[in-house]
Amino acid sequence: MRAPSRTASAKRRAETRVKALDAGAPLPDGQREAILADYATSAAAFERMEARPYLARVLRGWGQTLRAFGRAAEGDAQLRRALALFEEMGIAREAEEVRGALSAGGPAG
């Protein structure tokens, strides 16, 4: 199943912003909420489409980002949702990455 371009754009935009943050780039005011909104938009769209692999990967990124923003409990909740989907679909490698991150408390993937 191919993701619609608007949903894919929101996902890419969120991922790009997070990569910049990881590289040490400062975030202008409001960017954190914009990033989280892009993940929420993408997750909702993939859920409506029943595009479970895409949804699981968005949830993983969303969880990692929440953790990076100091919101570990919320991040872990998204990571657990991603893990459940990866396990249900039999995507073992990605499930193991998320499982390891949850047990170690570090970033997944």
Protein backbone atom coordinates (compact mmCIF):
# COMPACT_ATOMS: atom_id res chain seq x y z
CA MET A 1 0.00 0.00 0.00
CA ARG A 2 1.39 3.35 -0.99
CA ALA A 3 1.10 6.28 1.40
CA PRO A 4 -0.68 9.41 0.15
CA SER A 5 1.74 12.22 -0.56
CA ARG A 6 0.38 14.57 2.15
CA THR A 7 0.77 11.90 4.83
CA ALA A 8 4.20 10.92 3.57
CA SER A 9 5.19 14.58 3.52
CA ALA A 10 4.18 15.05 7.15
CA LYS A 11 6.17 11.96 8.11
CA ARG A 12 9.25 13.14 6.18
CA ARG A 13 8.94 16.64 7.62
CA ALA A 14 8.85 15.29 11.17
CA GLU A 15 11.79 12.94 10.54
CA THR A 16 13.86 15.73 8.96
CA ARG A 17 13.24 18.06 11.89
CA VAL A 18 14.22 15.34 14.36
CA LYS A 19 17.44 14.62 12.45
CA ALA A 20 18.33 18.30 12.64
CA LEU A 21 17.64 18.25 16.36
CA ASP A 22 19.83 15.16 16.78
CA ALA A 23 22.62 16.96 14.91
CA GLY A 24 22.47 19.76 17.47
CA ALA A 25 20.50 22.29 15.48
CA PRO A 26 18.36 24.52 17.70
CA LEU A 27 14.61 24.36 17.29
CA PRO A 28 12.77 27.62 16.75
CA ASP A 29 9.79 28.30 19.02
CA GLY A 30 6.86 26.04 18.26
CA GLN A 31 8.88 23.48 16.31
CA ARG A 32 8.52 20.73 18.91
CA GLU A 33 4.76 20.93 18.75
CA ALA A 34 4.89 21.06 14.93
CA ILE A 35 6.99 17.90 14.87
CA LEU A 36 4.61 16.09 17.19
CA ALA A 37 1.63 17.30 15.17
CA ASP A 38 3.19 15.88 11.99
CA TYR A 39 3.62 12.50 13.68
CA ALA A 40 0.02 12.59 14.95
CA THR A 41 -1.27 13.46 11.47
CA SER A 42 0.74 10.66 9.87
CA ALA A 43 -0.25 8.07 12.47
CA ALA A 44 -3.95 8.92 12.14
CA ALA A 45 -3.83 8.69 8.36
CA PHE A 46 -1.96 5.38 8.31
CA GLU A 47 -4.35 3.99 10.91
CA ARG A 48 -7.37 4.96 8.77
CA MET A 49 -5.73 3.30 5.76
CA GLU A 50 -4.87 0.22 7.82
CA ALA A 51 -1.29 0.64 6.60
CA ARG A 52 0.15 -1.15 9.61
CA PRO A 53 3.85 -1.25 8.64
CA TYR A 54 3.81 2.50 7.98
CA LEU A 55 1.87 3.10 11.20
CA ALA A 56 4.33 1.06 13.26
CA ARG A 57 7.29 3.00 11.87
CA VAL A 58 5.61 6.35 12.50
CA LEU A 59 4.80 5.30 16.06
CA ARG A 60 8.43 4.28 16.57
CA GLY A 61 9.66 7.68 15.33
CA TRP A 62 7.05 9.48 17.40
CA GLY A 63 8.09 7.55 20.50
CA GLN A 64 11.77 8.29 19.93
CA THR A 65 10.99 11.96 19.46
CA LEU A 66 8.88 12.19 22.59
CA ARG A 67 11.74 10.61 24.52
CA ALA A 68 14.21 13.10 23.02
CA PHE A 69 11.89 15.89 24.16
CA GLY A 70 12.00 14.57 27.73
CA ARG A 71 8.56 12.99 27.58
CA ALA A 72 9.66 9.41 28.25
CA ALA A 73 6.35 8.00 29.50
CA GLU A 74 4.51 9.23 26.40
CA GLY A 75 7.33 8.04 24.18
CA ASP A 76 7.33 4.61 25.73
CA ALA A 77 3.57 4.32 25.15
CA GLN A 78 4.06 4.98 21.43
CA LEU A 79 6.99 2.57 21.32
CA ARG A 80 4.87 -0.16 22.95
CA ARG A 81 2.17 0.39 20.31
CA ALA A 82 4.83 0.12 17.58
CA LEU A 83 6.24 -3.02 19.16
CA ALA A 84 2.82 -4.68 19.27
CA LEU A 85 2.28 -3.96 15.58
CA PHE A 86 5.73 -5.17 14.55
CA GLU A 87 5.18 -8.39 16.51
CA GLU A 88 1.68 -8.94 15.06
CA MET A 89 3.05 -8.50 11.53
CA GLY A 90 6.09 -10.69 12.15
CA ILE A 91 8.60 -7.90 11.47
CA ALA A 92 11.15 -9.39 13.84
CA ARG A 93 14.13 -7.09 13.30
CA GLU A 94 12.21 -3.90 13.94
CA ALA A 95 10.33 -5.47 16.85
CA GLU A 96 13.65 -6.44 18.41
CA GLU A 97 15.05 -2.91 18.00
CA VAL A 98 12.04 -1.40 19.74
CA ARG A 99 12.03 -4.09 22.43
CA GLY A 100 15.71 -3.45 23.14
CA ALA A 101 15.18 0.30 23.34
CA LEU A 102 12.28 -0.10 25.73
CA SER A 103 14.26 -2.37 28.03
CA ALA A 104 17.35 -0.14 27.90
CA GLY A 105 15.50 3.16 28.02
CA GLY A 106 17.40 4.39 24.95
CA PRO A 107 16.38 5.34 21.43
CA ALA A 108 14.85 2.71 19.17
CA GLY A 109 16.09 2.04 15.66
